[in-house]
N, C-alpha and C. Protein backbone atom coordinates (compact mmCIF):
# COMPACT_ATOMS: atom_id res chain seq x y z
N MET A 1 1.87 50.46 57.96
CA MET A 1 2.21 49.55 57.39
C MET A 1 2.69 48.44 58.24
N LYS A 2 2.22 47.22 58.11
CA LYS A 2 3.12 46.30 58.85
C LYS A 2 4.01 45.50 58.34
N ALA A 3 5.08 44.95 59.19
CA ALA A 3 5.94 43.90 58.59
C ALA A 3 5.49 42.80 58.24
N GLY A 4 6.22 42.21 57.31
CA GLY A 4 6.12 40.90 57.15
C GLY A 4 4.87 40.42 55.69
N ARG A 5 4.29 41.56 55.49
CA ARG A 5 3.23 41.35 54.24
C ARG A 5 4.31 41.32 52.83
N GLU A 6 3.80 40.54 51.96
CA GLU A 6 4.54 40.52 50.88
C GLU A 6 4.62 41.68 50.10
N GLY A 7 5.75 42.39 49.29
CA GLY A 7 5.97 43.58 48.86
C GLY A 7 6.36 44.73 49.53
N GLU A 8 6.00 44.44 51.12
CA GLU A 8 6.29 45.75 52.25
C GLU A 8 7.72 45.45 52.71
N CYS A 9 8.15 46.53 53.08
CA CYS A 9 9.49 46.64 53.53
C CYS A 9 9.59 46.30 54.92
N PRO A 10 10.23 45.16 55.51
CA PRO A 10 10.21 45.05 56.99
C PRO A 10 10.63 46.34 57.81
N THR A 11 9.92 46.52 58.89
CA THR A 11 10.41 47.68 59.63
C THR A 11 11.27 47.47 60.82
N VAL A 12 12.09 48.21 60.96
CA VAL A 12 13.10 48.42 62.11
C VAL A 12 12.63 47.83 63.33
N LYS A 13 12.79 46.79 64.37
CA LYS A 13 12.40 46.50 65.42
C LYS A 13 12.44 47.90 66.47
N SER A 14 11.36 47.70 67.20
CA SER A 14 11.00 49.09 67.96
C SER A 14 12.60 49.50 68.86
N TYR A 15 13.54 49.81 68.31
CA TYR A 15 14.51 50.48 68.86
C TYR A 15 14.56 51.80 69.15
N HIS A 16 15.19 52.22 70.64
CA HIS A 16 14.86 53.50 70.70
C HIS A 16 15.65 54.61 69.64
N PRO A 17 15.05 55.64 69.38
CA PRO A 17 15.40 56.38 68.38
C PRO A 17 16.89 56.98 68.38
N LEU A 18 17.60 57.09 69.59
CA LEU A 18 18.95 57.42 69.85
C LEU A 18 19.58 56.03 69.43
N TYR A 19 19.07 54.85 69.59
CA TYR A 19 20.10 53.75 69.30
C TYR A 19 20.27 53.71 67.75
N LEU A 20 18.91 54.01 67.20
CA LEU A 20 19.15 54.01 65.77
C LEU A 20 19.84 54.80 65.33
N ARG A 21 20.14 56.03 65.87
CA ARG A 21 20.73 57.08 65.42
C ARG A 21 22.12 56.81 65.37
N PHE A 22 22.76 56.41 66.63
CA PHE A 22 24.06 55.92 67.16
C PHE A 22 24.66 55.10 65.57
N PHE A 23 23.67 54.16 65.03
CA PHE A 23 24.34 53.41 64.09
C PHE A 23 24.16 54.39 62.40
N LYS A 24 23.46 55.39 62.49
CA LYS A 24 23.28 56.52 61.32
C LYS A 24 24.73 57.03 61.54
N TYR A 25 24.88 57.66 62.71
CA TYR A 25 26.42 58.49 62.69
C TYR A 25 27.62 57.51 62.77
N TYR A 26 27.31 56.36 62.95
CA TYR A 26 28.53 55.27 62.70
C TYR A 26 29.37 55.02 61.47
N HIS A 27 27.74 54.73 60.62
CA HIS A 27 28.32 54.24 59.66
C HIS A 27 28.44 55.41 58.62
N ALA A 28 28.22 56.80 59.22
CA ALA A 28 28.67 57.91 58.44
C ALA A 28 30.03 58.20 58.61
N GLY A 29 30.94 57.54 59.60
CA GLY A 29 32.34 57.72 59.96
C GLY A 29 31.92 58.92 60.98
N ARG A 30 31.34 59.29 61.73
CA ARG A 30 31.09 60.08 62.35
C ARG A 30 31.16 59.62 64.16
N TYR A 31 32.39 59.03 64.21
CA TYR A 31 32.09 58.38 65.48
C TYR A 31 32.01 59.05 66.76
N TRP A 32 32.55 60.17 66.92
CA TRP A 32 32.28 61.04 68.17
C TRP A 32 30.80 60.96 68.27
N GLU A 33 30.24 61.72 67.27
CA GLU A 33 28.53 61.86 67.44
C GLU A 33 27.88 60.62 67.69
N ALA A 34 28.16 59.37 67.41
CA ALA A 34 27.87 58.16 67.43
C ALA A 34 28.02 57.77 69.08
N HIS A 35 29.15 58.06 69.54
CA HIS A 35 29.50 58.11 70.94
C HIS A 35 28.45 59.04 71.73
N GLU A 36 28.75 60.00 71.47
CA GLU A 36 27.54 61.19 72.12
C GLU A 36 26.11 61.02 72.28
N VAL A 37 25.69 60.69 71.14
CA VAL A 37 24.37 60.24 70.65
C VAL A 37 23.87 59.08 71.80
N LEU A 38 24.73 57.86 71.64
CA LEU A 38 24.31 56.66 72.47
C LEU A 38 24.62 56.96 73.74
N GLU A 39 25.54 57.70 74.14
CA GLU A 39 25.95 58.02 75.68
C GLU A 39 24.60 58.91 76.44
N GLU A 40 24.00 59.58 75.32
CA GLU A 40 22.84 60.24 75.83
C GLU A 40 21.67 59.06 76.27
N LEU A 41 21.21 58.52 75.47
CA LEU A 41 20.53 57.16 75.95
C LEU A 41 21.22 56.19 77.25
N TRP A 42 22.06 56.22 77.20
CA TRP A 42 23.03 55.51 78.49
C TRP A 42 22.72 56.17 79.78
N GLN A 43 22.98 57.23 79.48
CA GLN A 43 22.41 58.14 80.94
C GLN A 43 21.41 58.03 81.59
N THR A 44 20.28 57.53 80.92
CA THR A 44 19.05 56.97 81.46
C THR A 44 18.81 55.66 81.69
N GLN A 45 19.77 54.96 81.44
CA GLN A 45 19.65 53.45 81.66
C GLN A 45 21.83 53.20 81.86
N ARG A 46 21.93 53.62 83.23
CA ARG A 46 23.39 53.50 83.49
C ARG A 46 23.74 52.04 83.80
N ASP A 47 22.60 51.28 84.04
CA ASP A 47 23.25 49.80 84.13
C ASP A 47 23.13 49.02 83.02
N ASN A 48 23.13 49.59 81.76
CA ASN A 48 23.32 48.69 80.36
C ASN A 48 24.53 48.80 80.07
N ASP A 49 25.10 47.98 80.49
CA ASP A 49 26.42 47.61 80.08
C ASP A 49 26.40 47.43 78.59
N PHE A 50 25.64 46.81 77.98
CA PHE A 50 25.69 46.39 76.15
C PHE A 50 25.83 47.91 75.58
N TYR A 51 24.93 49.17 75.99
CA TYR A 51 24.98 50.61 75.29
C TYR A 51 26.45 50.76 75.83
N HIS A 52 26.98 50.71 76.90
CA HIS A 52 28.52 51.12 77.39
C HIS A 52 29.48 51.01 76.48
N GLY A 53 29.37 49.45 76.37
CA GLY A 53 30.25 48.67 75.37
C GLY A 53 30.46 49.11 74.07
N LEU A 54 29.04 49.61 73.33
CA LEU A 54 29.17 50.04 72.09
C LEU A 54 29.33 51.58 72.11
N ILE A 55 29.41 52.16 72.87
CA ILE A 55 29.64 53.65 73.34
C ILE A 55 31.42 53.56 73.17
N GLN A 56 32.15 52.78 73.86
CA GLN A 56 33.51 52.50 73.65
C GLN A 56 33.81 52.07 72.52
N VAL A 57 33.23 51.03 71.68
CA VAL A 57 33.52 50.69 70.22
C VAL A 57 33.44 52.01 69.37
N ALA A 58 32.58 53.06 69.63
CA ALA A 58 32.57 54.33 68.99
C ALA A 58 33.61 55.23 69.02
N ALA A 59 34.09 55.16 70.45
CA ALA A 59 35.21 55.93 71.04
C ALA A 59 36.61 55.31 70.58
N ILE A 60 36.73 53.92 70.38
CA ILE A 60 37.83 53.41 70.24
C ILE A 60 38.22 53.72 68.39
N MET A 61 37.12 53.94 67.64
CA MET A 61 37.23 54.15 66.30
C MET A 61 37.55 55.66 66.07
N HIS A 62 37.12 56.50 67.04
CA HIS A 62 37.33 58.06 67.10
C HIS A 62 38.81 58.06 67.21
N GLN A 63 39.18 57.19 68.08
CA GLN A 63 40.91 57.05 68.71
C GLN A 63 41.58 56.68 67.60
N LEU A 64 41.01 55.63 67.13
CA LEU A 64 42.12 55.21 65.92
C LEU A 64 42.19 56.36 64.77
N LYS A 65 40.97 57.07 64.39
CA LYS A 65 40.93 57.74 63.16
C LYS A 65 42.08 58.96 63.69
N ARG A 66 42.38 59.35 65.26
CA ARG A 66 43.16 60.28 65.55
C ARG A 66 44.54 59.69 65.82
N GLY A 67 44.63 58.58 65.48
CA GLY A 67 46.15 57.94 65.62
C GLY A 67 46.56 57.80 67.44
N LYS A 68 45.45 57.74 68.16
CA LYS A 68 45.46 57.28 69.60
C LYS A 68 45.27 56.12 69.90
N VAL A 69 46.67 55.31 69.79
CA VAL A 69 46.62 53.83 70.03
C VAL A 69 46.29 53.43 71.23
N ARG A 70 47.40 53.96 72.29
CA ARG A 70 47.36 53.63 73.41
C ARG A 70 45.70 53.78 74.21
N GLY A 71 44.79 54.73 74.07
CA GLY A 71 43.69 54.93 74.29
C GLY A 71 42.74 53.96 73.96
N ALA A 72 42.99 53.65 72.62
CA ALA A 72 42.20 52.50 71.66
C ALA A 72 42.52 51.26 72.16
N ARG A 73 43.66 51.19 72.71
CA ARG A 73 43.74 49.69 73.49
C ARG A 73 43.27 49.44 74.82
N LYS A 74 43.30 50.67 75.56
CA LYS A 74 42.83 50.62 76.91
C LYS A 74 40.95 50.29 76.58
N LEU A 75 40.49 51.20 75.81
CA LEU A 75 39.07 50.90 75.49
C LEU A 75 38.77 49.71 75.19
N SER A 76 39.64 48.73 74.12
CA SER A 76 39.08 47.60 73.82
C SER A 76 38.94 46.64 74.92
N ALA A 77 40.04 46.62 75.86
CA ALA A 77 39.78 45.93 76.98
C ALA A 77 38.86 45.83 77.53
N SER A 78 38.19 47.10 78.03
CA SER A 78 37.22 47.62 78.77
C SER A 78 35.87 47.23 77.97
N ALA A 79 35.97 47.50 76.90
CA ALA A 79 34.66 47.24 75.93
C ALA A 79 34.53 45.42 75.95
N ILE A 80 35.67 44.75 75.92
CA ILE A 80 35.42 43.34 75.96
C ILE A 80 34.92 42.75 77.32
N ARG A 81 34.89 43.59 78.09
CA ARG A 81 34.50 43.21 79.67
C ARG A 81 32.99 43.72 79.67
N TYR A 82 32.71 44.83 78.89
CA TYR A 82 31.37 45.32 78.86
C TYR A 82 30.40 44.30 77.97
N LEU A 83 30.84 43.90 76.80
CA LEU A 83 30.08 43.22 75.59
C LEU A 83 30.14 41.81 75.89
N THR A 84 31.13 41.03 76.54
CA THR A 84 31.06 39.84 76.46
C THR A 84 30.14 38.77 76.77
N PRO A 85 29.20 39.56 78.20
CA PRO A 85 27.86 38.76 78.72
C PRO A 85 26.68 38.96 77.54
N PHE A 86 26.74 39.72 76.31
CA PHE A 86 25.99 39.79 75.38
C PHE A 86 26.21 39.04 74.29
N SER A 87 27.10 38.22 74.38
CA SER A 87 27.41 37.19 72.94
C SER A 87 26.37 36.19 73.04
N PRO A 88 26.12 35.57 71.82
CA PRO A 88 26.53 35.94 70.60
C PRO A 88 26.07 37.17 69.91
N GLU A 89 24.51 37.69 70.04
CA GLU A 89 24.04 38.62 69.66
C GLU A 89 23.12 39.09 70.73
N THR A 90 23.13 40.70 70.32
CA THR A 90 21.95 41.19 71.33
C THR A 90 21.66 42.77 70.46
N GLU A 91 20.26 42.78 70.54
CA GLU A 91 19.76 44.06 69.72
C GLU A 91 20.02 44.45 68.27
N GLY A 92 20.17 43.37 67.73
CA GLY A 92 20.74 43.17 66.31
C GLY A 92 22.33 43.38 65.92
N VAL A 93 22.61 43.12 67.12
CA VAL A 93 24.31 43.21 67.02
C VAL A 93 24.99 41.90 67.29
N ASP A 94 25.70 41.77 66.26
CA ASP A 94 26.65 40.38 65.89
C ASP A 94 28.00 40.47 67.18
N VAL A 95 27.78 40.14 68.41
CA VAL A 95 28.58 40.80 69.43
C VAL A 95 29.85 39.88 69.28
N ARG A 96 29.80 38.71 69.02
CA ARG A 96 30.92 37.89 68.78
C ARG A 96 31.54 38.63 67.78
N ARG A 97 31.38 38.97 66.80
CA ARG A 97 32.18 39.76 65.42
C ARG A 97 32.68 40.90 66.44
N VAL A 98 32.21 41.53 66.89
CA VAL A 98 32.65 42.67 67.58
C VAL A 98 33.58 42.17 68.47
N LEU A 99 33.40 41.31 69.29
CA LEU A 99 34.38 40.77 70.38
C LEU A 99 35.70 40.40 69.56
N ARG A 100 35.50 39.74 68.55
CA ARG A 100 37.01 39.40 67.45
C ARG A 100 37.43 40.47 67.18
N TRP A 101 36.97 41.55 66.87
CA TRP A 101 37.84 42.73 66.33
C TRP A 101 38.40 43.53 67.54
N LEU A 102 37.61 43.34 68.64
CA LEU A 102 38.41 44.08 69.76
C LEU A 102 39.26 43.00 70.47
N ASN A 103 39.42 41.95 70.29
CA ASN A 103 40.61 41.16 70.63
C ASN A 103 41.48 41.44 69.51
N ARG A 104 41.30 41.65 67.97
CA ARG A 104 42.19 41.75 67.14
C ARG A 104 43.08 43.14 67.74
N CYS A 105 42.24 44.44 68.02
CA CYS A 105 42.72 45.12 68.58
C CYS A 105 43.78 45.05 69.56
N LEU A 106 43.55 44.21 70.48
CA LEU A 106 44.61 44.02 71.58
C LEU A 106 45.67 43.52 70.87
N GLU A 107 45.72 42.50 69.94
CA GLU A 107 46.76 41.88 69.49
C GLU A 107 47.67 42.75 68.72
N VAL A 108 46.94 43.94 68.13
CA VAL A 108 48.01 44.46 66.90
C VAL A 108 48.25 45.97 67.87
N LEU A 109 47.61 46.48 68.35
CA LEU A 109 47.75 47.92 68.95
C LEU A 109 49.07 47.86 69.87
N PRO A 110 50.13 48.62 69.56
CA PRO A 110 50.99 48.71 70.55
C PRO A 110 50.82 49.55 71.90
N GLU A 111 51.41 48.90 72.81
CA GLU A 111 51.04 49.57 73.96
C GLU A 111 52.01 50.90 74.13
N ARG A 112 52.95 51.16 73.30
CA ARG A 112 53.61 52.61 73.05
C ARG A 112 53.97 52.53 71.73
N PRO A 113 54.43 53.35 71.16
CA PRO A 113 53.97 54.77 71.46
C PRO A 113 52.37 55.00 71.80
N ARG A 114 52.17 56.39 72.31
CA ARG A 114 50.57 56.69 72.97
C ARG A 114 50.01 56.99 71.61
N ILE A 115 50.57 57.59 70.55
CA ILE A 115 50.10 58.08 69.32
C ILE A 115 50.97 57.68 68.08
N MET A 116 50.35 57.40 67.16
CA MET A 116 50.72 57.00 65.86
C MET A 116 50.19 58.08 64.90
N ASP A 117 51.00 58.25 63.72
CA ASP A 117 50.45 58.71 62.66
C ASP A 117 49.14 57.95 62.02
N PRO A 118 48.10 58.50 61.80
CA PRO A 118 46.98 57.65 61.38
C PRO A 118 47.09 56.57 60.20
N ARG A 119 47.97 57.21 59.35
CA ARG A 119 48.54 56.15 58.39
C ARG A 119 49.03 55.16 58.94
N GLU A 120 49.83 55.16 59.90
CA GLU A 120 50.35 53.76 60.25
C GLU A 120 49.37 53.19 61.03
N VAL A 121 48.32 53.58 61.72
CA VAL A 121 47.21 52.86 62.25
C VAL A 121 46.67 52.11 60.94
N GLU A 122 46.25 52.89 60.18
CA GLU A 122 45.50 51.93 58.86
C GLU A 122 46.09 50.89 58.55
N SER A 123 47.82 51.02 58.41
CA SER A 123 48.44 49.95 58.00
C SER A 123 48.71 48.54 58.91
N LEU A 124 47.98 48.95 60.20
CA LEU A 124 47.81 47.73 60.99
C LEU A 124 46.91 46.55 60.76
N GLY A 125 45.77 47.38 59.46
CA GLY A 125 44.84 46.45 59.28
C GLY A 125 43.32 46.23 59.93
N LEU A 126 43.39 47.20 61.11
CA LEU A 126 42.22 46.69 61.58
C LEU A 126 40.74 46.98 61.09
N GLY A 127 40.94 48.23 60.17
CA GLY A 127 39.60 48.34 59.66
C GLY A 127 38.60 48.81 60.64
N THR A 128 37.14 48.90 60.29
CA THR A 128 36.40 49.43 60.96
C THR A 128 35.78 48.38 61.60
N CYS A 129 35.25 48.30 62.85
CA CYS A 129 34.68 47.45 63.46
C CYS A 129 33.18 47.24 62.80
N GLU A 130 32.85 46.35 62.30
CA GLU A 130 31.49 46.17 61.86
C GLU A 130 30.36 45.83 62.49
N LEU A 131 29.69 46.78 62.53
CA LEU A 131 28.20 46.93 63.09
C LEU A 131 27.11 47.17 61.99
N PRO A 132 26.02 46.60 62.21
CA PRO A 132 24.77 46.63 61.35
C PRO A 132 24.58 47.77 60.76
N ASP A 133 24.06 47.96 59.84
CA ASP A 133 23.75 49.33 59.15
C ASP A 133 21.81 49.18 59.59
N MET A 134 21.41 49.31 60.90
CA MET A 134 20.27 49.02 61.16
C MET A 134 19.65 50.55 60.86
N ALA A 135 20.20 51.32 60.80
CA ALA A 135 19.41 53.09 60.56
C ALA A 135 19.15 53.56 59.17
N SER A 136 19.66 52.18 58.50
CA SER A 136 19.85 52.39 56.73
C SER A 136 18.16 52.78 56.08
N SER A 137 17.17 52.05 57.05
CA SER A 137 15.80 52.12 56.85
C SER A 137 15.14 53.27 57.39
N ILE A 138 15.75 53.96 57.94
CA ILE A 138 15.27 55.11 58.67
C ILE A 138 15.48 56.45 57.43
N ASN A 139 14.70 57.02 57.03
CA ASN A 139 14.62 58.20 55.92
C ASN A 139 15.11 59.58 56.69
N ARG A 140 15.81 59.62 57.46
CA ARG A 140 16.44 60.76 58.15
C ARG A 140 17.97 60.95 58.28
N SER A 141 18.38 62.18 57.98
CA SER A 141 19.69 62.47 58.22
C SER A 141 20.23 62.40 59.67
N PRO A 142 21.36 61.87 59.93
CA PRO A 142 21.81 62.37 61.07
C PRO A 142 22.08 63.57 61.70
N SER A 143 20.94 63.92 62.44
CA SER A 143 20.67 65.47 62.91
C SER A 143 20.56 65.35 64.55
N ARG A 144 20.75 66.19 65.22
CA ARG A 144 20.27 65.76 66.56
C ARG A 144 18.96 66.64 66.92
């Protein structure tokens, strides 16, 4: 089926399957798996700072879920450096929105203590970094 015909579902742009799997894991709240699967792709394209920045976003979400605020804060600063050149949008991601969320992390995450109760982290109101659900049109479960 070709995209664009009336009554047909548009296809996902020809993104690498590992890139799409990253989003599937991410939206399932499986941040470490998202990190790992995109890192697998990044290992073949080490100069791809966009992927590196998204890997760090997934790592931040994983750290926040575990209450590791200092690590999340450091990764936020690093992810900003990696992702800024790709604003406003790259590969279906609203990079501006991601950068706003990362800057918010820097504003509200304390430098100390290193670790907080995850419920306290939730009370900071950061929520989840909003990434597109590009993988929703794929009819596969997140498996490796």
